Amino acid sequence: MAKRHEKVTNLVNSMLDAEKNFWDLFLDFVPQEAKKHLKAARKEKLMALRSILDAKIEHLEEDEKKASKKGPQKVKVQ
């Protein structure tokens, strides 16, 4: 099992390296103005992800508050 995990890890790392190499090469041919827009788009995607995470965290915290307000509950045992 460890060997399989190592293969998957190596594959993922290779894919990440390939992506980085692609973008490094691609950006060599992209005008500066386009680079500026691509950077702004990346920032927007990250901010969107942060908003999603914040909403999920808030939802979990609300659930915890509701659960703590209920107190102990009776459970019918057969």
Protein backbone atom coordinates (compact mmCIF):
# COMPACT_ATOMS: atom_id res chain seq x y z
CA MET A 1 0.00 0.00 0.00
CA ALA A 2 2.86 2.39 0.78
CA LYS A 3 4.28 1.85 -2.70
CA ARG A 4 0.94 2.78 -4.26
CA HIS A 5 0.76 5.92 -2.11
CA GLU A 6 4.28 6.83 -3.21
CA LYS A 7 3.32 6.36 -6.89
CA VAL A 8 0.26 8.58 -6.48
CA THR A 9 2.32 11.21 -4.68
CA ASN A 10 4.94 11.14 -7.44
CA LEU A 11 2.24 11.42 -10.12
CA VAL A 12 0.61 14.41 -8.42
CA ASN A 13 3.97 16.11 -7.96
CA SER A 14 4.82 15.50 -11.62
CA MET A 15 1.50 16.98 -12.70
CA LEU A 16 2.06 20.04 -10.51
CA ASP A 17 5.56 20.48 -11.93
CA ALA A 18 4.21 20.15 -15.48
CA GLU A 19 1.56 22.78 -14.77
CA LYS A 20 4.13 25.16 -13.31
CA ASN A 21 6.42 24.65 -16.30
CA PHE A 22 3.52 25.25 -18.68
CA TRP A 23 2.56 28.53 -17.00
CA ASP A 24 6.17 29.69 -16.79
CA LEU A 25 6.59 29.06 -20.51
CA PHE A 26 3.16 30.44 -21.41
CA LEU A 27 3.71 33.64 -19.47
CA ASP A 28 6.96 34.27 -21.36
CA PHE A 29 4.81 34.91 -24.46
CA VAL A 30 1.99 36.84 -22.80
CA PRO A 31 1.98 40.65 -22.86
CA GLN A 32 2.41 42.42 -19.52
CA GLU A 33 -1.17 43.74 -19.61
CA ALA A 34 -2.52 40.18 -19.95
CA LYS A 35 -0.33 39.02 -17.05
CA LYS A 36 -1.90 41.74 -14.92
CA HIS A 37 -5.41 40.47 -15.74
CA LEU A 38 -4.45 36.84 -15.13
CA LYS A 39 -3.04 37.76 -11.72
CA ALA A 40 -6.23 39.66 -10.85
CA ALA A 41 -8.34 36.68 -11.99
CA ARG A 42 -6.31 34.35 -9.77
CA LYS A 43 -6.84 36.67 -6.83
CA GLU A 44 -10.60 36.73 -7.51
CA LYS A 45 -10.75 32.92 -7.59
CA LEU A 46 -8.95 32.75 -4.25
CA MET A 47 -11.28 35.36 -2.76
CA ALA A 48 -14.28 33.36 -3.98
CA LEU A 49 -12.86 30.25 -2.33
CA ARG A 50 -12.33 32.20 0.89
CA SER A 51 -15.98 33.33 0.79
CA ILE A 52 -17.14 29.75 0.38
CA LEU A 53 -14.98 28.59 3.28
CA ASP A 54 -16.13 31.46 5.50
CA ALA A 55 -19.78 30.61 4.79
CA LYS A 56 -19.20 26.92 5.60
CA ILE A 57 -17.40 27.80 8.84
CA GLU A 58 -20.22 30.15 9.83
CA HIS A 59 -22.78 27.42 9.11
CA LEU A 60 -20.86 24.94 11.30
CA GLU A 61 -20.63 27.48 14.12
CA GLU A 62 -24.38 28.13 13.94
CA ASP A 63 -25.04 24.39 14.12
CA GLU A 64 -22.79 24.15 17.19
CA LYS A 65 -24.64 27.02 18.89
CA LYS A 66 -28.02 25.43 18.18
CA ALA A 67 -26.83 22.08 19.52
CA SER A 68 -25.47 23.62 22.72
CA LYS A 69 -28.72 25.56 23.35
CA LYS A 70 -30.82 22.41 23.17
CA GLY A 71 -29.11 20.84 26.16
CA PRO A 72 -29.51 17.19 27.04
CA GLN A 73 -32.17 15.25 25.19
CA LYS A 74 -34.10 12.19 26.27
CA VAL A 75 -33.56 9.12 24.16
CA LYS A 76 -36.10 6.33 24.19
CA VAL A 77 -34.41 2.95 24.73
CA GLN A 78 -36.20 -0.19 23.75
